[in-house]
Every structure is written in structure tokens, then in C-alpha cells.
Amino acid sequence: MSTPPTTPPATPKVSRPDGLILVKGQRDMGGNGGREVFGIWPSGYVRQVTAAEFTLWGSPAIDYWIPAGQPDQFDQLFAYDKALRG
């Protein structure tokens, strides 16, 4: 009987989709302390990126930070994502 490994296997890395723009708000924006990250695909599709996707992509740099004091930009992305999810 062999001894099980002491370290978990490495998390697989998946390439970030080509042309994807990542957008994030400030800490005071959103209901999750500003941790929400939204993806805007070249086709115009917009949705919140899951934590699993973000991790699999290797926690890439955010392309656009919504400026402080401009929560309307964040609220629009959030409302659009919520409408898509029903």
C-alpha cells in the first residue's frame, strides 16, 4: 500500500479568453465589498466572472478599474449581469 501524496495536485491553468476585458469596482461598490469582477467579451457579452474562472485564468490583472465616486458604471454592469441570470 502506497502513502498518499502530502500536497494536492497543482491547479490547472486555462488561458484567459482572447479579447476579454476585465472590469472591477472599488471596495465601496457592490454588495460583496467590491470583489465582483465583470468580463466584457469582444462580442459585447457582459457578465460577472466566477471566482473559479478567475483562478483558472491565473488571477490576471484587471484591465479597467471603475473610478471611485462613479458607482453608476458598476451598477450598470451589475444590473445587466443580474438580468441575464434571471
N, C-alpha and C. Protein backbone atom coordinates (compact mmCIF):
# COMPACT_ATOMS: atom_id res chain seq x y z
N MET A 1 0.85 -1.18 0.00
CA MET A 1 0.00 0.00 0.00
C MET A 1 0.90 1.24 0.00
N SER A 2 0.60 2.14 -0.91
CA SER A 2 1.44 3.34 -1.01
C SER A 2 0.89 4.46 -0.13
N THR A 3 1.76 5.37 0.19
CA THR A 3 1.38 6.53 1.00
C THR A 3 0.78 7.61 0.09
N PRO A 4 -0.36 8.18 0.47
CA PRO A 4 -0.95 9.22 -0.38
C PRO A 4 -0.04 10.46 -0.41
N PRO A 5 -0.10 11.21 -1.49
CA PRO A 5 0.74 12.41 -1.59
C PRO A 5 0.37 13.41 -0.49
N THR A 6 1.36 14.17 -0.05
CA THR A 6 1.12 15.14 1.02
C THR A 6 0.70 16.50 0.50
N THR A 7 0.89 16.73 -0.78
CA THR A 7 0.49 18.02 -1.35
C THR A 7 -0.58 17.78 -2.43
N PRO A 8 -1.54 18.67 -2.51
CA PRO A 8 -2.58 18.49 -3.53
C PRO A 8 -1.99 18.75 -4.91
N PRO A 9 -2.62 18.21 -5.94
CA PRO A 9 -2.13 18.46 -7.29
C PRO A 9 -2.25 19.95 -7.64
N ALA A 10 -1.42 20.39 -8.54
CA ALA A 10 -1.45 21.80 -8.96
C ALA A 10 -2.77 22.11 -9.66
N THR A 11 -3.26 23.32 -9.45
CA THR A 11 -4.47 23.76 -10.11
C THR A 11 -4.18 23.96 -11.59
N PRO A 12 -5.00 23.39 -12.45
CA PRO A 12 -4.74 23.58 -13.88
C PRO A 12 -4.92 25.05 -14.28
N LYS A 13 -4.17 25.48 -15.26
CA LYS A 13 -4.29 26.84 -15.78
C LYS A 13 -4.98 26.80 -17.13
N VAL A 14 -5.92 27.69 -17.31
CA VAL A 14 -6.66 27.82 -18.55
C VAL A 14 -6.39 29.22 -19.08
N SER A 15 -6.18 29.33 -20.37
CA SER A 15 -5.91 30.64 -20.95
C SER A 15 -7.14 31.54 -20.82
N ARG A 16 -6.88 32.78 -20.50
CA ARG A 16 -7.93 33.79 -20.48
C ARG A 16 -8.44 33.94 -21.91
N PRO A 17 -9.76 34.02 -22.11
CA PRO A 17 -10.29 34.17 -23.47
C PRO A 17 -9.71 35.40 -24.18
N ASP A 18 -9.40 35.24 -25.45
CA ASP A 18 -8.85 36.33 -26.24
C ASP A 18 -9.83 37.50 -26.29
N GLY A 19 -9.31 38.69 -26.10
CA GLY A 19 -10.12 39.90 -26.20
C GLY A 19 -10.98 40.22 -25.00
N LEU A 20 -10.94 39.39 -23.98
CA LEU A 20 -11.75 39.62 -22.78
C LEU A 20 -11.21 40.81 -22.00
N ILE A 21 -12.10 41.72 -21.62
CA ILE A 21 -11.73 42.87 -20.79
C ILE A 21 -12.29 42.62 -19.40
N LEU A 22 -11.42 42.71 -18.40
CA LEU A 22 -11.85 42.52 -17.01
C LEU A 22 -12.05 43.87 -16.35
N VAL A 23 -13.19 44.03 -15.68
CA VAL A 23 -13.56 45.29 -15.05
C VAL A 23 -13.88 45.03 -13.58
N LYS A 24 -13.38 45.90 -12.72
CA LYS A 24 -13.60 45.73 -11.28
C LYS A 24 -13.92 47.09 -10.66
N GLY A 25 -14.79 47.08 -9.65
CA GLY A 25 -15.16 48.30 -8.94
C GLY A 25 -14.28 48.52 -7.72
N GLN A 26 -14.56 49.58 -7.00
CA GLN A 26 -13.86 49.90 -5.77
C GLN A 26 -14.49 49.15 -4.60
N ARG A 27 -13.85 49.20 -3.45
CA ARG A 27 -14.32 48.45 -2.28
C ARG A 27 -15.74 48.82 -1.84
N ASP A 28 -16.13 50.07 -2.07
CA ASP A 28 -17.45 50.51 -1.62
C ASP A 28 -18.54 50.26 -2.65
N MET A 29 -18.22 49.59 -3.74
CA MET A 29 -19.20 49.33 -4.80
C MET A 29 -19.66 47.88 -4.74
N GLY A 30 -20.93 47.68 -4.96
CA GLY A 30 -21.46 46.32 -5.00
C GLY A 30 -21.80 45.79 -3.63
N GLY A 31 -22.43 44.64 -3.63
CA GLY A 31 -22.86 44.03 -2.38
C GLY A 31 -21.85 43.08 -1.78
N ASN A 32 -20.70 42.94 -2.43
CA ASN A 32 -19.71 41.97 -1.98
C ASN A 32 -18.38 42.65 -1.69
N GLY A 33 -18.45 43.88 -1.23
CA GLY A 33 -17.23 44.60 -0.88
C GLY A 33 -16.35 44.93 -2.07
N GLY A 34 -16.95 45.06 -3.25
CA GLY A 34 -16.16 45.40 -4.43
C GLY A 34 -15.35 44.25 -5.00
N ARG A 35 -15.63 43.04 -4.58
CA ARG A 35 -14.84 41.89 -5.07
C ARG A 35 -15.33 41.37 -6.41
N GLU A 36 -16.48 41.86 -6.87
CA GLU A 36 -17.02 41.38 -8.14
C GLU A 36 -16.12 41.80 -9.30
N VAL A 37 -15.89 40.87 -10.21
CA VAL A 37 -15.14 41.15 -11.45
C VAL A 37 -16.08 40.83 -12.60
N PHE A 38 -16.19 41.76 -13.52
CA PHE A 38 -17.04 41.56 -14.68
C PHE A 38 -16.17 41.37 -15.91
N GLY A 39 -16.64 40.52 -16.81
CA GLY A 39 -15.95 40.29 -18.06
C GLY A 39 -16.76 40.86 -19.21
N ILE A 40 -16.08 41.54 -20.12
CA ILE A 40 -16.72 42.05 -21.32
C ILE A 40 -16.03 41.37 -22.50
N TRP A 41 -16.76 40.51 -23.20
CA TRP A 41 -16.21 39.77 -24.32
C TRP A 41 -16.28 40.62 -25.59
N PRO A 42 -15.46 40.31 -26.59
CA PRO A 42 -15.47 41.08 -27.84
C PRO A 42 -16.84 41.11 -28.52
N SER A 43 -17.65 40.12 -28.29
CA SER A 43 -18.99 40.07 -28.89
C SER A 43 -19.96 41.05 -28.24
N GLY A 44 -19.54 41.64 -27.10
CA GLY A 44 -20.42 42.55 -26.37
C GLY A 44 -21.08 41.89 -25.17
N TYR A 45 -20.88 40.58 -25.03
CA TYR A 45 -21.45 39.85 -23.90
C TYR A 45 -20.79 40.33 -22.61
N VAL A 46 -21.61 40.59 -21.59
CA VAL A 46 -21.11 41.07 -20.30
C VAL A 46 -21.68 40.18 -19.21
N ARG A 47 -20.83 39.73 -18.31
CA ARG A 47 -21.33 39.00 -17.15
C ARG A 47 -20.26 39.00 -16.06
N GLN A 48 -20.71 38.67 -14.86
CA GLN A 48 -19.78 38.57 -13.74
C GLN A 48 -18.95 37.30 -13.91
N VAL A 49 -17.66 37.43 -13.72
CA VAL A 49 -16.74 36.30 -13.82
C VAL A 49 -16.76 35.57 -12.48
N THR A 50 -16.81 34.25 -12.52
CA THR A 50 -16.80 33.50 -11.26
C THR A 50 -15.39 33.46 -10.68
N ALA A 51 -15.32 33.21 -9.38
CA ALA A 51 -14.02 33.10 -8.72
C ALA A 51 -13.23 31.93 -9.30
N ALA A 52 -13.92 30.86 -9.68
CA ALA A 52 -13.24 29.70 -10.25
C ALA A 52 -12.60 30.05 -11.59
N GLU A 53 -13.33 30.77 -12.45
CA GLU A 53 -12.77 31.18 -13.73
C GLU A 53 -11.54 32.07 -13.52
N PHE A 54 -11.68 33.04 -12.64
CA PHE A 54 -10.60 33.98 -12.38
C PHE A 54 -9.34 33.24 -11.91
N THR A 55 -9.53 32.26 -11.04
CA THR A 55 -8.40 31.47 -10.53
C THR A 55 -7.79 30.61 -11.65
N LEU A 56 -8.64 29.95 -12.44
CA LEU A 56 -8.12 29.12 -13.54
C LEU A 56 -7.35 29.93 -14.57
N TRP A 57 -7.73 31.20 -14.75
CA TRP A 57 -7.02 32.07 -15.69
C TRP A 57 -5.72 32.61 -15.09
N GLY A 58 -5.41 32.19 -13.85
CA GLY A 58 -4.17 32.63 -13.22
C GLY A 58 -4.27 33.98 -12.55
N SER A 59 -5.47 34.37 -12.12
CA SER A 59 -5.70 35.67 -11.46
C SER A 59 -5.08 36.82 -12.26
N PRO A 60 -5.55 37.02 -13.49
CA PRO A 60 -4.95 38.05 -14.35
C PRO A 60 -5.20 39.47 -13.83
N ALA A 61 -4.41 40.39 -14.33
CA ALA A 61 -4.56 41.79 -13.96
C ALA A 61 -5.90 42.32 -14.46
N ILE A 62 -6.47 43.23 -13.71
CA ILE A 62 -7.72 43.88 -14.09
C ILE A 62 -7.39 44.92 -15.17
N ASP A 63 -8.18 44.94 -16.24
CA ASP A 63 -7.94 45.87 -17.34
C ASP A 63 -8.48 47.26 -17.05
N TYR A 64 -9.59 47.34 -16.33
CA TYR A 64 -10.21 48.64 -16.08
C TYR A 64 -10.80 48.66 -14.68
N TRP A 65 -10.36 49.62 -13.88
CA TRP A 65 -10.92 49.83 -12.55
C TRP A 65 -11.94 50.96 -12.64
N ILE A 66 -13.13 50.73 -12.16
CA ILE A 66 -14.14 51.79 -12.14
C ILE A 66 -13.68 52.82 -11.11
N PRO A 67 -13.59 54.08 -11.52
CA PRO A 67 -13.09 55.11 -10.61
C PRO A 67 -13.97 55.29 -9.37
N ALA A 68 -13.35 55.65 -8.27
CA ALA A 68 -14.09 55.94 -7.04
C ALA A 68 -15.05 57.08 -7.30
N GLY A 69 -16.20 57.03 -6.68
CA GLY A 69 -17.18 58.09 -6.83
C GLY A 69 -18.04 57.96 -8.08
N GLN A 70 -17.88 56.86 -8.84
CA GLN A 70 -18.68 56.65 -10.03
C GLN A 70 -19.36 55.28 -9.99
N PRO A 71 -20.20 55.07 -8.99
CA PRO A 71 -20.83 53.75 -8.85
C PRO A 71 -21.82 53.43 -9.97
N ASP A 72 -22.25 54.43 -10.74
CA ASP A 72 -23.20 54.15 -11.82
C ASP A 72 -22.64 53.15 -12.82
N GLN A 73 -21.35 53.25 -13.13
CA GLN A 73 -20.74 52.29 -14.06
C GLN A 73 -20.84 50.87 -13.51
N PHE A 74 -20.55 50.72 -12.22
CA PHE A 74 -20.63 49.40 -11.59
C PHE A 74 -22.07 48.92 -11.57
N ASP A 75 -22.99 49.81 -11.19
CA ASP A 75 -24.40 49.43 -11.09
C ASP A 75 -24.96 48.95 -12.43
N GLN A 76 -24.51 49.57 -13.53
CA GLN A 76 -24.97 49.14 -14.85
C GLN A 76 -24.51 47.72 -15.16
N LEU A 77 -23.25 47.43 -14.89
CA LEU A 77 -22.73 46.08 -15.13
C LEU A 77 -23.45 45.06 -14.24
N PHE A 78 -23.64 45.42 -12.98
CA PHE A 78 -24.29 44.54 -12.03
C PHE A 78 -25.73 44.24 -12.47
N ALA A 79 -26.47 45.28 -12.88
CA ALA A 79 -27.86 45.10 -13.31
C ALA A 79 -27.94 44.25 -14.57
N TYR A 80 -27.02 44.47 -15.50
CA TYR A 80 -27.01 43.69 -16.74
C TYR A 80 -26.77 42.21 -16.44
N ASP A 81 -25.80 41.94 -15.57
CA ASP A 81 -25.50 40.56 -15.19
C ASP A 81 -26.71 39.93 -14.50
N LYS A 82 -27.33 40.66 -13.61
CA LYS A 82 -28.49 40.13 -12.87
C LYS A 82 -29.65 39.83 -13.82
N ALA A 83 -29.85 40.69 -14.82
CA ALA A 83 -30.93 40.46 -15.79
C ALA A 83 -30.67 39.20 -16.62
N LEU A 84 -29.40 38.96 -16.95
CA LEU A 84 -29.08 37.75 -17.72
C LEU A 84 -29.30 36.49 -16.91
N ARG A 85 -29.03 36.56 -15.64
CA ARG A 85 -29.16 35.37 -14.78
C ARG A 85 -30.61 35.13 -14.34
N GLY A 86 -31.46 36.12 -14.51
CA GLY A 86 -32.88 35.96 -14.18
C GLY A 86 -33.21 36.20 -12.80
